[in-house]
Amino acid sequence: MKNALISLKEKILLRKRSIIETVFDSLKNKFEIEHTRHRSPTNFLIHVFSVLISYSMQSKKPSISMPFFIG
């Protein structure tokens, strides 16, 4: 693979990769978002929304602070 320059934003996000993986791991394991036996698409969406709501109500969440990147 060729070496290529990466942007500053990508470089910062690569440093924060462990936090991003922690969030996905908690969604998969603690909140069981990877359950695939839904009988209808509606039930799947209800399950995903309920998992995201319960995660957002969690008191201690990992976060990434990037104050100089607005958009």
PDB file of N, CA and C in Angstrom:
ATOM      1  N   MET A   1       0.841  -1.176   0.000  1.00  0.00           N
ATOM      2  CA  MET A   1       0.000   0.000   0.000  1.00  0.00           C
ATOM      3  C   MET A   1       0.888   1.241   0.000  1.00  0.00           C
ATOM      4  N   LYS A   2       0.520   2.204  -0.803  1.00  0.00           N
ATOM      5  CA  LYS A   2       1.305   3.423  -0.910  1.00  0.00           C
ATOM      6  C   LYS A   2       1.076   4.332   0.284  1.00  0.00           C
ATOM      7  N   ASN A   3       2.118   5.044   0.664  1.00  0.00           N
ATOM      8  CA  ASN A   3       1.969   6.054   1.706  1.00  0.00           C
ATOM      9  C   ASN A   3       1.249   7.260   1.129  1.00  0.00           C
ATOM     10  N   ALA A   4       0.317   7.792   1.893  1.00  0.00           N
ATOM     11  CA  ALA A   4      -0.428   8.962   1.440  1.00  0.00           C
ATOM     12  C   ALA A   4      -0.591   9.923   2.607  1.00  0.00           C
ATOM     13  N   LEU A   5      -0.622  11.190   2.285  1.00  0.00           N
ATOM     14  CA  LEU A   5      -0.847  12.186   3.321  1.00  0.00           C
ATOM     15  C   LEU A   5      -2.311  12.175   3.731  1.00  0.00           C
ATOM     16  N   ILE A   6      -2.548  12.314   5.020  1.00  0.00           N
ATOM     17  CA  ILE A   6      -3.926  12.385   5.497  1.00  0.00           C
ATOM     18  C   ILE A   6      -4.165  13.772   6.065  1.00  0.00           C
ATOM     19  N   SER A   7      -5.419  14.147   6.067  1.00  0.00           N
ATOM     20  CA  SER A   7      -5.755  15.480   6.555  1.00  0.00           C
ATOM     21  C   SER A   7      -5.645  15.524   8.076  1.00  0.00           C
ATOM     22  N   LEU A   8      -5.632  16.717   8.616  1.00  0.00           N
ATOM     23  CA  LEU A   8      -5.520  16.902  10.062  1.00  0.00           C
ATOM     24  C   LEU A   8      -6.723  16.312  10.783  1.00  0.00           C
ATOM     25  N   LYS A   9      -7.898  16.464  10.190  1.00  0.00           N
ATOM     26  CA  LYS A   9      -9.115  15.922  10.806  1.00  0.00           C
ATOM     27  C   LYS A   9      -9.047  14.400  10.907  1.00  0.00           C
ATOM     28  N   GLU A  10      -8.589  13.735   9.847  1.00  0.00           N
ATOM     29  CA  GLU A  10      -8.461  12.279   9.868  1.00  0.00           C
ATOM     30  C   GLU A  10      -7.404  11.829  10.870  1.00  0.00           C
ATOM     31  N   LYS A  11      -6.337  12.593  10.999  1.00  0.00           N
ATOM     32  CA  LYS A  11      -5.278  12.255  11.947  1.00  0.00           C
ATOM     33  C   LYS A  11      -5.781  12.323  13.387  1.00  0.00           C
ATOM     34  N   ILE A  12      -6.578  13.327  13.692  1.00  0.00           N
ATOM     35  CA  ILE A  12      -7.140  13.460  15.041  1.00  0.00           C
ATOM     36  C   ILE A  12      -8.136  12.348  15.314  1.00  0.00           C
ATOM     37  N   LEU A  13      -8.967  12.017  14.322  1.00  0.00           N
ATOM     38  CA  LEU A  13      -9.934  10.932  14.513  1.00  0.00           C
ATOM     39  C   LEU A  13      -9.242   9.576  14.674  1.00  0.00           C
ATOM     40  N   LEU A  14      -8.096   9.378  14.030  1.00  0.00           N
ATOM     41  CA  LEU A  14      -7.356   8.133  14.224  1.00  0.00           C
ATOM     42  C   LEU A  14      -6.846   8.012  15.654  1.00  0.00           C
ATOM     43  N   ARG A  15      -6.496   9.124  16.261  1.00  0.00           N
ATOM     44  CA  ARG A  15      -6.077   9.098  17.665  1.00  0.00           C
ATOM     45  C   ARG A  15      -7.245   8.780  18.587  1.00  0.00           C
ATOM     46  N   LYS A  16      -8.443   9.134  18.178  1.00  0.00           N
ATOM     47  CA  LYS A  16      -9.641   8.905  18.995  1.00  0.00           C
ATOM     48  C   LYS A  16     -10.325   7.581  18.664  1.00  0.00           C
ATOM     49  N   ARG A  17      -9.658   6.739  17.905  1.00  0.00           N
ATOM     50  CA  ARG A  17     -10.273   5.496  17.447  1.00  0.00           C
ATOM     51  C   ARG A  17     -10.692   4.587  18.601  1.00  0.00           C
ATOM     52  N   SER A  18      -9.914   4.536  19.662  1.00  0.00           N
ATOM     53  CA  SER A  18     -10.261   3.660  20.787  1.00  0.00           C
ATOM     54  C   SER A  18     -11.572   4.078  21.442  1.00  0.00           C
ATOM     55  N   ILE A  19     -11.826   5.376  21.514  1.00  0.00           N
ATOM     56  CA  ILE A  19     -13.086   5.851  22.094  1.00  0.00           C
ATOM     57  C   ILE A  19     -14.257   5.465  21.190  1.00  0.00           C
ATOM     58  N   ILE A  20     -14.072   5.612  19.887  1.00  0.00           N
ATOM     59  CA  ILE A  20     -15.128   5.251  18.938  1.00  0.00           C
ATOM     60  C   ILE A  20     -15.422   3.756  19.016  1.00  0.00           C
ATOM     61  N   GLU A  21     -14.383   2.933  19.110  1.00  0.00           N
ATOM     62  CA  GLU A  21     -14.590   1.492  19.228  1.00  0.00           C
ATOM     63  C   GLU A  21     -15.250   1.126  20.551  1.00  0.00           C
ATOM     64  N   THR A  22     -14.969   1.870  21.611  1.00  0.00           N
ATOM     65  CA  THR A  22     -15.612   1.627  22.899  1.00  0.00           C
ATOM     66  C   THR A  22     -17.108   1.876  22.816  1.00  0.00           C
ATOM     67  N   VAL A  23     -17.498   2.933  22.128  1.00  0.00           N
ATOM     68  CA  VAL A  23     -18.927   3.235  21.968  1.00  0.00           C
ATOM     69  C   VAL A  23     -19.620   2.123  21.189  1.00  0.00           C
ATOM     70  N   PHE A  24     -19.033   1.693  20.075  1.00  0.00           N
ATOM     71  CA  PHE A  24     -19.645   0.624  19.283  1.00  0.00           C
ATOM     72  C   PHE A  24     -19.690  -0.689  20.060  1.00  0.00           C
ATOM     73  N   ASP A  25     -18.647  -0.962  20.845  1.00  0.00           N
ATOM     74  CA  ASP A  25     -18.632  -2.182  21.644  1.00  0.00           C
ATOM     75  C   ASP A  25     -19.722  -2.163  22.705  1.00  0.00           C
ATOM     76  N   SER A  26     -19.929  -1.023  23.342  1.00  0.00           N
ATOM     77  CA  SER A  26     -20.990  -0.951  24.354  1.00  0.00           C
ATOM     78  C   SER A  26     -22.370  -1.061  23.713  1.00  0.00           C
ATOM     79  N   LEU A  27     -22.544  -0.500  22.518  1.00  0.00           N
ATOM     80  CA  LEU A  27     -23.830  -0.643  21.834  1.00  0.00           C
ATOM     81  C   LEU A  27     -24.093  -2.097  21.448  1.00  0.00           C
ATOM     82  N   LYS A  28     -23.057  -2.795  21.020  1.00  0.00           N
ATOM     83  CA  LYS A  28     -23.241  -4.186  20.608  1.00  0.00           C
ATOM     84  C   LYS A  28     -23.444  -5.115  21.796  1.00  0.00           C
ATOM     85  N   ASN A  29     -22.646  -4.959  22.835  1.00  0.00           N
ATOM     86  CA  ASN A  29     -22.677  -5.918  23.936  1.00  0.00           C
ATOM     87  C   ASN A  29     -23.657  -5.553  25.036  1.00  0.00           C
ATOM     88  N   LYS A  30     -23.578  -4.349  25.539  1.00  0.00           N
ATOM     89  CA  LYS A  30     -24.423  -3.974  26.668  1.00  0.00           C
ATOM     90  C   LYS A  30     -25.875  -3.785  26.250  1.00  0.00           C
ATOM     91  N   PHE A  31     -26.097  -3.155  25.110  1.00  0.00           N
ATOM     92  CA  PHE A  31     -27.456  -2.842  24.680  1.00  0.00           C
ATOM     93  C   PHE A  31     -27.989  -3.812  23.626  1.00  0.00           C
ATOM     94  N   GLU A  32     -27.192  -4.797  23.237  1.00  0.00           N
ATOM     95  CA  GLU A  32     -27.590  -5.855  22.301  1.00  0.00           C
ATOM     96  C   GLU A  32     -28.185  -5.306  21.000  1.00  0.00           C
ATOM     97  N   ILE A  33     -27.446  -4.435  20.346  1.00  0.00           N
ATOM     98  CA  ILE A  33     -27.946  -3.854  19.100  1.00  0.00           C
ATOM     99  C   ILE A  33     -27.738  -4.810  17.920  1.00  0.00           C
ATOM    100  N   GLU A  34     -26.971  -5.869  18.100  1.00  0.00           N
ATOM    101  CA  GLU A  34     -26.645  -6.763  17.000  1.00  0.00           C
ATOM    102  C   GLU A  34     -27.612  -7.940  16.887  1.00  0.00           C
ATOM    103  N   HIS A  35     -28.731  -7.861  17.515  1.00  0.00           N
ATOM    104  CA  HIS A  35     -29.733  -8.927  17.463  1.00  0.00           C
ATOM    105  C   HIS A  35     -30.379  -8.922  16.078  1.00  0.00           C
ATOM    106  N   THR A  36     -30.378 -10.044  15.389  1.00  0.00           N
ATOM    107  CA  THR A  36     -30.830 -10.065  13.995  1.00  0.00           C
ATOM    108  C   THR A  36     -32.130 -10.819  13.771  1.00  0.00           C
ATOM    109  N   ARG A  37     -32.839 -11.219  14.788  1.00  0.00           N
ATOM    110  CA  ARG A  37     -34.047 -12.022  14.601  1.00  0.00           C
ATOM    111  C   ARG A  37     -35.323 -11.202  14.743  1.00  0.00           C
ATOM    112  N   HIS A  38     -35.364 -10.096  14.094  1.00  0.00           N
ATOM    113  CA  HIS A  38     -36.584  -9.293  14.116  1.00  0.00           C
ATOM    114  C   HIS A  38     -37.507  -9.783  13.008  1.00  0.00           C
ATOM    115  N   ARG A  39     -38.767  -9.889  13.322  1.00  0.00           N
ATOM    116  CA  ARG A  39     -39.709 -10.433  12.345  1.00  0.00           C
ATOM    117  C   ARG A  39     -40.207  -9.375  11.365  1.00  0.00           C
ATOM    118  N   SER A  40     -40.063  -8.118  11.718  1.00  0.00           N
ATOM    119  CA  SER A  40     -40.498  -7.071  10.792  1.00  0.00           C
ATOM    120  C   SER A  40     -39.529  -5.894  10.869  1.00  0.00           C
ATOM    121  N   PRO A  41     -39.442  -5.112   9.809  1.00  0.00           N
ATOM    122  CA  PRO A  41     -38.578  -3.927   9.827  1.00  0.00           C
ATOM    123  C   PRO A  41     -38.997  -2.919  10.896  1.00  0.00           C
ATOM    124  N   THR A  42     -40.288  -2.861  11.193  1.00  0.00           N
ATOM    125  CA  THR A  42     -40.768  -1.940  12.226  1.00  0.00           C
ATOM    126  C   THR A  42     -40.205  -2.324  13.587  1.00  0.00           C
ATOM    127  N   ASN A  43     -40.212  -3.609  13.906  1.00  0.00           N
ATOM    128  CA  ASN A  43     -39.652  -4.055  15.183  1.00  0.00           C
ATOM    129  C   ASN A  43     -38.154  -3.785  15.262  1.00  0.00           C
ATOM    130  N   PHE A  44     -37.465  -3.946  14.139  1.00  0.00           N
ATOM    131  CA  PHE A  44     -36.043  -3.642  14.115  1.00  0.00           C
ATOM    132  C   PHE A  44     -35.796  -2.168  14.423  1.00  0.00           C
ATOM    133  N   LEU A  45     -36.540  -1.273  13.777  1.00  0.00           N
ATOM    134  CA  LEU A  45     -36.359   0.161  14.008  1.00  0.00           C
ATOM    135  C   LEU A  45     -36.721   0.549  15.437  1.00  0.00           C
ATOM    136  N   ILE A  46     -37.767  -0.038  15.976  1.00  0.00           N
ATOM    137  CA  ILE A  46     -38.139   0.247  17.359  1.00  0.00           C
ATOM    138  C   ILE A  46     -37.021  -0.186  18.298  1.00  0.00           C
ATOM    139  N   HIS A  47     -36.428  -1.338  18.025  1.00  0.00           N
ATOM    140  CA  HIS A  47     -35.327  -1.817  18.866  1.00  0.00           C
ATOM    141  C   HIS A  47     -34.120  -0.882  18.777  1.00  0.00           C
ATOM    142  N   VAL A  48     -33.756  -0.469  17.572  1.00  0.00           N
ATOM    143  CA  VAL A  48     -32.606   0.423  17.400  1.00  0.00           C
ATOM    144  C   VAL A  48     -32.852   1.760  18.089  1.00  0.00           C
ATOM    145  N   PHE A  49     -34.042   2.335  17.921  1.00  0.00           N
ATOM    146  CA  PHE A  49     -34.344   3.610  18.572  1.00  0.00           C
ATOM    147  C   PHE A  49     -34.337   3.478  20.090  1.00  0.00           C
ATOM    148  N   SER A  50     -34.859   2.385  20.614  1.00  0.00           N
ATOM    149  CA  SER A  50     -34.864   2.214  22.069  1.00  0.00           C
ATOM    150  C   SER A  50     -33.448   2.050  22.611  1.00  0.00           C
ATOM    151  N   VAL A  51     -32.577   1.376  21.850  1.00  0.00           N
ATOM    152  CA  VAL A  51     -31.180   1.242  22.269  1.00  0.00           C
ATOM    153  C   VAL A  51     -30.494   2.602  22.271  1.00  0.00           C
ATOM    154  N   LEU A  52     -30.722   3.397  21.235  1.00  0.00           N
ATOM    155  CA  LEU A  52     -30.088   4.718  21.175  1.00  0.00           C
ATOM    156  C   LEU A  52     -30.608   5.644  22.270  1.00  0.00           C
ATOM    157  N   ILE A  53     -31.878   5.554  22.597  1.00  0.00           N
ATOM    158  CA  ILE A  53     -32.431   6.368  23.680  1.00  0.00           C
ATOM    159  C   ILE A  53     -31.847   5.934  25.014  1.00  0.00           C
ATOM    160  N   SER A  54     -31.753   4.634  25.244  1.00  0.00           N
ATOM    161  CA  SER A  54     -31.184   4.173  26.513  1.00  0.00           C
ATOM    162  C   SER A  54     -29.707   4.535  26.611  1.00  0.00           C
ATOM    163  N   TYR A  55     -28.973   4.520  25.490  1.00  0.00           N
ATOM    164  CA  TYR A  55     -27.576   4.946  25.511  1.00  0.00           C
ATOM    165  C   TYR A  55     -27.460   6.440  25.797  1.00  0.00           C
ATOM    166  N   SER A  56     -28.359   7.235  25.237  1.00  0.00           N
ATOM    167  CA  SER A  56     -28.288   8.681  25.465  1.00  0.00           C
ATOM    168  C   SER A  56     -28.648   9.046  26.900  1.00  0.00           C
ATOM    169  N   MET A  57     -29.433   8.197  27.575  1.00  0.00           N
ATOM    170  CA  MET A  57     -29.775   8.455  28.971  1.00  0.00           C
ATOM    171  C   MET A  57     -28.720   7.932  29.942  1.00  0.00           C
ATOM    172  N   GLN A  58     -27.713   7.274  29.433  1.00  0.00           N
ATOM    173  CA  GLN A  58     -26.637   6.766  30.276  1.00  0.00           C
ATOM    174  C   GLN A  58     -25.871   7.943  30.870  1.00  0.00           C
ATOM    175  N   SER A  59     -25.541   7.862  32.157  1.00  0.00           N
ATOM    176  CA  SER A  59     -24.933   9.009  32.831  1.00  0.00           C
ATOM    177  C   SER A  59     -23.480   9.227  32.422  1.00  0.00           C
ATOM    178  N   LYS A  60     -22.743   8.178  32.189  1.00  0.00           N
ATOM    179  CA  LYS A  60     -21.324   8.324  31.884  1.00  0.00           C
ATOM    180  C   LYS A  60     -21.054   7.746  30.501  1.00  0.00           C
ATOM    181  N   LYS A  61     -20.847   8.624  29.522  1.00  0.00           N
ATOM    182  CA  LYS A  61     -20.615   8.201  28.147  1.00  0.00           C
ATOM    183  C   LYS A  61     -19.220   8.640  27.705  1.00  0.00           C
ATOM    184  N   PRO A  62     -18.536   7.834  26.896  1.00  0.00           N
ATOM    185  CA  PRO A  62     -17.286   8.308  26.309  1.00  0.00           C
ATOM    186  C   PRO A  62     -17.592   9.380  25.267  1.00  0.00           C
ATOM    187  N   SER A  63     -16.731  10.368  25.168  1.00  0.00           N
ATOM    188  CA  SER A  63     -16.996  11.449  24.218  1.00  0.00           C
ATOM    189  C   SER A  63     -15.699  11.909  23.568  1.00  0.00           C
ATOM    190  N   ILE A  64     -15.844  12.506  22.419  1.00  0.00           N
ATOM    191  CA  ILE A  64     -14.728  13.088  21.680  1.00  0.00           C
ATOM    192  C   ILE A  64     -14.978  14.580  21.603  1.00  0.00           C
ATOM    193  N   SER A  65     -14.024  15.354  22.082  1.00  0.00           N
ATOM    194  CA  SER A  65     -14.193  16.806  21.995  1.00  0.00           C
ATOM    195  C   SER A  65     -13.272  17.343  20.901  1.00  0.00           C
ATOM    196  N   MET A  66     -13.877  17.958  19.902  1.00  0.00           N
ATOM    197  CA  MET A  66     -13.136  18.594  18.819  1.00  0.00           C
ATOM    198  C   MET A  66     -13.697  19.998  18.644  1.00  0.00           C
ATOM    199  N   PRO A  67     -13.308  20.944  19.487  1.00  0.00           N
ATOM    200  CA  PRO A  67     -13.919  22.275  19.439  1.00  0.00           C
ATOM    201  C   PRO A  67     -13.601  23.065  18.176  1.00  0.00           C
ATOM    202  N   PHE A  68     -12.490  22.756  17.496  1.00  0.00           N
ATOM    203  CA  PHE A  68     -12.121  23.554  16.331  1.00  0.00           C
ATOM    204  C   PHE A  68     -12.655  22.980  15.032  1.00  0.00           C
ATOM    205  N   PHE A  69     -13.370  21.860  15.065  1.00  0.00           N
ATOM    206  CA  PHE A  69     -14.021  21.312  13.882  1.00  0.00           C
ATOM    207  C   PHE A  69     -15.517  21.494  14.028  1.00  0.00           C
ATOM    208  N   ILE A  70     -16.071  22.465  13.344  1.00  0.00           N
ATOM    209  CA  ILE A  70     -17.512  22.715  13.416  1.00  0.00           C
ATOM    210  C   ILE A  70     -18.238  21.823  12.416  1.00  0.00           C
ATOM    211  N   GLY A  71     -17.795  21.746  11.201  1.00  0.00           N
ATOM    212  CA  GLY A  71     -18.529  21.003  10.195  1.00  0.00           C
ATOM    213  C   GLY A  71     -17.725  20.148   9.332  1.00  0.00           C
TER     214      GLY A  71
END
